[in-house]
C-alpha atoms as a PDB file:
ATOM      1  CA  MET A   1      25.053  -6.798  -0.728  1.00  0.00           C
ATOM      2  CA  VAL A   2      21.760  -4.963  -2.286  1.00  0.00           C
ATOM      3  CA  THR A   3      19.509  -8.039  -2.875  1.00  0.00           C
ATOM      4  CA  ALA A   4      20.827  -9.647   0.294  1.00  0.00           C
ATOM      5  CA  PHE A   5      19.291  -7.110   2.550  1.00  0.00           C
ATOM      6  CA  LEU A   6      16.144  -7.143   0.471  1.00  0.00           C
ATOM      7  CA  ILE A   7      15.811 -10.730   0.978  1.00  0.00           C
ATOM      8  CA  PHE A   8      16.487 -10.976   4.327  1.00  0.00           C
ATOM      9  CA  SER A   9      14.105  -7.913   5.076  1.00  0.00           C
ATOM     10  CA  ILE A  10      11.323  -9.986   3.008  1.00  0.00           C
ATOM     11  CA  MET A  11      11.948 -13.028   4.837  1.00  0.00           C
ATOM     12  CA  TYR A  12      12.133 -11.153   8.146  1.00  0.00           C
ATOM     13  CA  LEU A  13       8.845  -9.280   7.353  1.00  0.00           C
ATOM     14  CA  VAL A  14       6.859 -12.682   6.467  1.00  0.00           C
ATOM     15  CA  LEU A  15       7.892 -14.116   9.748  1.00  0.00           C
ATOM     16  CA  TYR A  16       7.433 -11.424  11.797  1.00  0.00           C
ATOM     17  CA  ARG A  17       3.482 -11.296  10.797  1.00  0.00           C
ATOM     18  CA  SER A  18       3.202 -15.260  11.183  1.00  0.00           C
ATOM     19  CA  LEU A  19       4.424 -14.756  14.450  1.00  0.00           C
ATOM     20  CA  LYS A  20       1.975 -11.633  14.935  1.00  0.00           C
ATOM     21  CA  LEU A  21      -0.818 -13.874  13.662  1.00  0.00           C
ATOM     22  CA  LYS A  22       0.202 -16.989  16.216  1.00  0.00           C
ATOM     23  CA  LYS A  23       0.387 -18.848  12.609  1.00  0.00           C
ATOM     24  CA  PHE A  24       3.329 -21.405  12.805  1.00  0.00           C
ATOM     25  CA  ASP A  25       3.215 -22.550   9.609  1.00  0.00           C
ATOM     26  CA  LEU A  26       6.401 -23.774   7.383  1.00  0.00           C
ATOM     27  CA  PHE A  27       7.755 -20.202   6.893  1.00  0.00           C
ATOM     28  CA  PHE A  28       8.030 -20.592  11.142  1.00  0.00           C
ATOM     29  CA  GLU A  29      10.094 -23.827  10.925  1.00  0.00           C
ATOM     30  CA  ARG A  30      12.505 -22.943   7.935  1.00  0.00           C
ATOM     31  CA  PHE A  31      13.407 -19.460   8.605  1.00  0.00           C
ATOM     32  CA  LEU A  32      16.395 -18.222  11.479  1.00  0.00           C
ATOM     33  CA  PRO A  33      15.197 -16.446  14.479  1.00  0.00           C
ATOM     34  CA  LEU A  34      13.918 -12.441  14.115  1.00  0.00           C
ATOM     35  CA  SER A  35      17.061 -11.548  16.106  1.00  0.00           C
ATOM     36  CA  VAL A  36      19.469 -13.230  13.398  1.00  0.00           C
ATOM     37  CA  LEU A  37      17.458 -11.895   9.829  1.00  0.00           C
ATOM     38  CA  GLY A  38      17.403  -8.408  11.490  1.00  0.00           C
ATOM     39  CA  ASN A  39      20.799  -8.428  12.489  1.00  0.00           C
ATOM     40  CA  MET A  40      21.614  -9.831   8.853  1.00  0.00           C
ATOM     41  CA  ASN A  41      19.761  -7.104   7.056  1.00  0.00           C
ATOM     42  CA  TYR A  42      21.931  -4.232   8.811  1.00  0.00           C
ATOM     43  CA  GLU A  43      24.793  -5.928   8.499  1.00  0.00           C
ATOM     44  CA  ALA A  44      24.276  -6.295   4.770  1.00  0.00           C
ATOM     45  CA  ILE A  45      22.998  -2.742   4.303  1.00  0.00           C
ATOM     46  CA  VAL A  46      26.635  -1.787   6.270  1.00  0.00           C
ATOM     47  CA  ALA A  47      28.584  -4.317   4.071  1.00  0.00           C
ATOM     48  CA  GLY A  48      26.781  -2.285   1.176  1.00  0.00           C
ATOM     49  CA  VAL A  49      27.899   0.654   2.152  1.00  0.00           C
ATOM     50  CA  VAL A  50      30.932  -0.247   2.374  1.00  0.00           C
ATOM     51  CA  CYS A  51      31.573  -1.308  -0.990  1.00  0.00           C
ATOM     52  CA  LEU A  52      29.953   1.654  -2.192  1.00  0.00           C
ATOM     53  CA  ALA A  53      31.898   4.132  -0.546  1.00  0.00           C
ATOM     54  CA  LEU A  54      35.344   2.214  -1.960  1.00  0.00           C
ATOM     55  CA  MET A  55      33.732   1.985  -5.509  1.00  0.00           C
ATOM     56  CA  ILE A  56      32.467   5.716  -5.577  1.00  0.00           C
ATOM     57  CA  PRO A  57      36.246   7.096  -5.818  1.00  0.00           C
ATOM     58  CA  LEU A  58      37.193   4.483  -8.372  1.00  0.00           C
ATOM     59  CA  GLY A  59      34.369   5.486 -10.558  1.00  0.00           C
ATOM     60  CA  VAL A  60      35.044   9.238 -10.284  1.00  0.00           C
ATOM     61  CA  GLY A  61      38.703   8.060 -10.895  1.00  0.00           C
ATOM     62  CA  MET A  62      37.762   6.440 -13.978  1.00  0.00           C
ATOM     63  CA  VAL A  63      35.608   9.044 -15.481  1.00  0.00           C
ATOM     64  CA  TYR A  64      38.539  11.408 -14.745  1.00  0.00           C
ATOM     65  CA  GLN A  65      40.999   9.478 -16.610  1.00  0.00           C
ATOM     66  CA  HIS A  66      38.289   8.951 -19.491  1.00  0.00           C
ATOM     67  CA  PHE A  67      37.261  11.995 -20.163  1.00  0.00           C
ATOM     68  CA  GLY A  68      39.674  14.511 -18.178  1.00  0.00           C
ATOM     69  CA  GLU A  69      37.289  16.332 -16.167  1.00  0.00           C
ATOM     70  CA  TRP A  70      34.005  15.666 -14.376  1.00  0.00           C
ATOM     71  CA  ILE A  71      30.796  14.779 -16.129  1.00  0.00           C
ATOM     72  CA  TRP A  72      27.619  16.148 -14.911  1.00  0.00           C
ATOM     73  CA  ASP A  73      25.704  13.696 -15.941  1.00  0.00           C
ATOM     74  CA  ILE A  74      22.711  12.055 -14.218  1.00  0.00           C
ATOM     75  CA  LYS A  75      23.810   8.567 -13.999  1.00  0.00           C
ATOM     76  CA  TYR A  76      26.866   9.470 -11.912  1.00  0.00           C
ATOM     77  CA  LEU A  77      24.730  11.544  -9.611  1.00  0.00           C
ATOM     78  CA  SER A  78      21.905   9.158  -8.936  1.00  0.00           C
ATOM     79  CA  VAL A  79      24.990   6.832  -7.851  1.00  0.00           C
ATOM     80  CA  PHE A  80      25.675   9.404  -4.993  1.00  0.00           C
ATOM     81  CA  PHE A  81      22.106   9.656  -4.359  1.00  0.00           C
ATOM     82  CA  ILE A  82      21.739   5.569  -3.558  1.00  0.00           C
ATOM     83  CA  PHE A  83      25.272   6.409  -1.572  1.00  0.00           C
ATOM     84  CA  ILE A  84      23.394   8.878   0.913  1.00  0.00           C
ATOM     85  CA  VAL A  85      19.741   6.426   0.912  1.00  0.00           C
ATOM     86  CA  TYR A  86      22.072   3.801   2.254  1.00  0.00           C
ATOM     87  CA  LEU A  87      24.570   5.393   4.381  1.00  0.00           C
ATOM     88  CA  THR A  88      21.182   7.061   5.898  1.00  0.00           C
ATOM     89  CA  GLY A  89      19.886   3.290   6.686  1.00  0.00           C
ATOM     90  CA  ALA A  90      22.650   2.131   8.126  1.00  0.00           C
ATOM     91  CA  LEU A  91      23.358   5.431  10.206  1.00  0.00           C
ATOM     92  CA  ILE A  92      19.653   4.888  11.830  1.00  0.00           C
ATOM     93  CA  GLY A  93      20.111   1.512  12.409  1.00  0.00           C
ATOM     94  CA  ARG A  94      23.068   2.256  14.338  1.00  0.00           C
ATOM     95  CA  PHE A  95      22.434   5.386  16.096  1.00  0.00           C
ATOM     96  CA  ALA A  96      18.683   6.021  16.188  1.00  0.00           C
ATOM     97  CA  GLY A  97      18.152   2.287  17.231  1.00  0.00           C
ATOM     98  CA  TRP A  98      16.122   1.140  14.101  1.00  0.00           C
ATOM     99  CA  ARG A  99      16.216  -2.933  14.131  1.00  0.00           C
ATOM    100  CA  GLY A 100      13.932  -5.084  12.732  1.00  0.00           C
ATOM    101  CA  ASN A 101      10.317  -4.064  11.609  1.00  0.00           C
ATOM    102  CA  ARG A 102      11.246  -0.508  10.722  1.00  0.00           C
ATOM    103  CA  LEU A 103      14.780  -1.184   9.004  1.00  0.00           C
ATOM    104  CA  ALA A 104      13.232  -3.836   7.173  1.00  0.00           C
ATOM    105  CA  LEU A 105      10.869  -1.966   5.702  1.00  0.00           C
ATOM    106  CA  TYR A 106      13.586   1.198   5.113  1.00  0.00           C
ATOM    107  CA  SER A 107      15.227  -1.446   3.161  1.00  0.00           C
ATOM    108  CA  ILE A 108      12.658  -2.045   1.144  1.00  0.00           C
ATOM    109  CA  PHE A 109      11.769   1.535   0.439  1.00  0.00           C
ATOM    110  CA  SER A 110      15.562   1.769   0.048  1.00  0.00           C
ATOM    111  CA  MET A 111      15.356  -1.145  -3.023  1.00  0.00           C
ATOM    112  CA  ALA A 112      12.461   0.578  -4.945  1.00  0.00           C
ATOM    113  CA  VAL A 113      14.663   4.022  -4.395  1.00  0.00           C
ATOM    114  CA  LEU A 114      17.855   2.235  -6.227  1.00  0.00           C
ATOM    115  CA  ILE A 115      15.054   1.139  -8.880  1.00  0.00           C
ATOM    116  CA  MET A 116      13.230   3.960  -9.639  1.00  0.00           C
ATOM    117  CA  THR A 117      16.440   5.823  -9.613  1.00  0.00           C
ATOM    118  CA  LEU A 118      18.153   3.573 -12.048  1.00  0.00           C
ATOM    119  CA  ALA A 119      15.585   3.110 -14.208  1.00  0.00           C
ATOM    120  CA  VAL A 120      15.101   7.500 -14.735  1.00  0.00           C
ATOM    121  CA  SER A 121      18.722   7.514 -14.791  1.00  0.00           C
ATOM    122  CA  MET A 122      18.806   5.293 -18.159  1.00  0.00           C
ATOM    123  CA  MET A 123      16.167   6.920 -20.073  1.00  0.00           C
ATOM    124  CA  VAL A 124      17.696  10.442 -19.699  1.00  0.00           C
ATOM    125  CA  SER A 125      21.435  10.331 -19.625  1.00  0.00           C
ATOM    126  CA  SER A 126      23.435  11.123 -22.314  1.00  0.00           C
ATOM    127  CA  SER A 127      26.869   9.311 -20.861  1.00  0.00           C
ATOM    128  CA  HIS A 128      27.707   5.532 -22.105  1.00  0.00           C
ATOM    129  CA  LYS A 129      24.306   4.049 -23.229  1.00  0.00           C
ATOM    130  CA  TRP A 130      23.595   0.601 -22.515  1.00  0.00           C
ATOM    131  CA  ASN A 131      23.041  -1.145 -26.106  1.00  0.00           C
END
């Protein structure tokens, strides 16, 4: 889901720029209309939020099952932070009316936050190292 909205965002911004420059080339002919790409981006964000909302409680349950208590590790906390970032994107898309260009830029920003958060948590985490 996460990479889907990133791809939709990039496609949206490329097509948006082509239309602004009145440059109707290969991208214009091959891509879906802007409204469809914008809706697909929003729907991918919402689907990602739903998946995270379902998976986070399962992960918390697995932590309790494995350790017997909650472990305050940066890797676990980063998942909650990423969920908040994506939930914010879904909410501003729904209630603040952010669609199109703004939501596409926010999607790219959220992916950058996700990559940086995961990179930092892998370097600093003391729990389940990836070997």
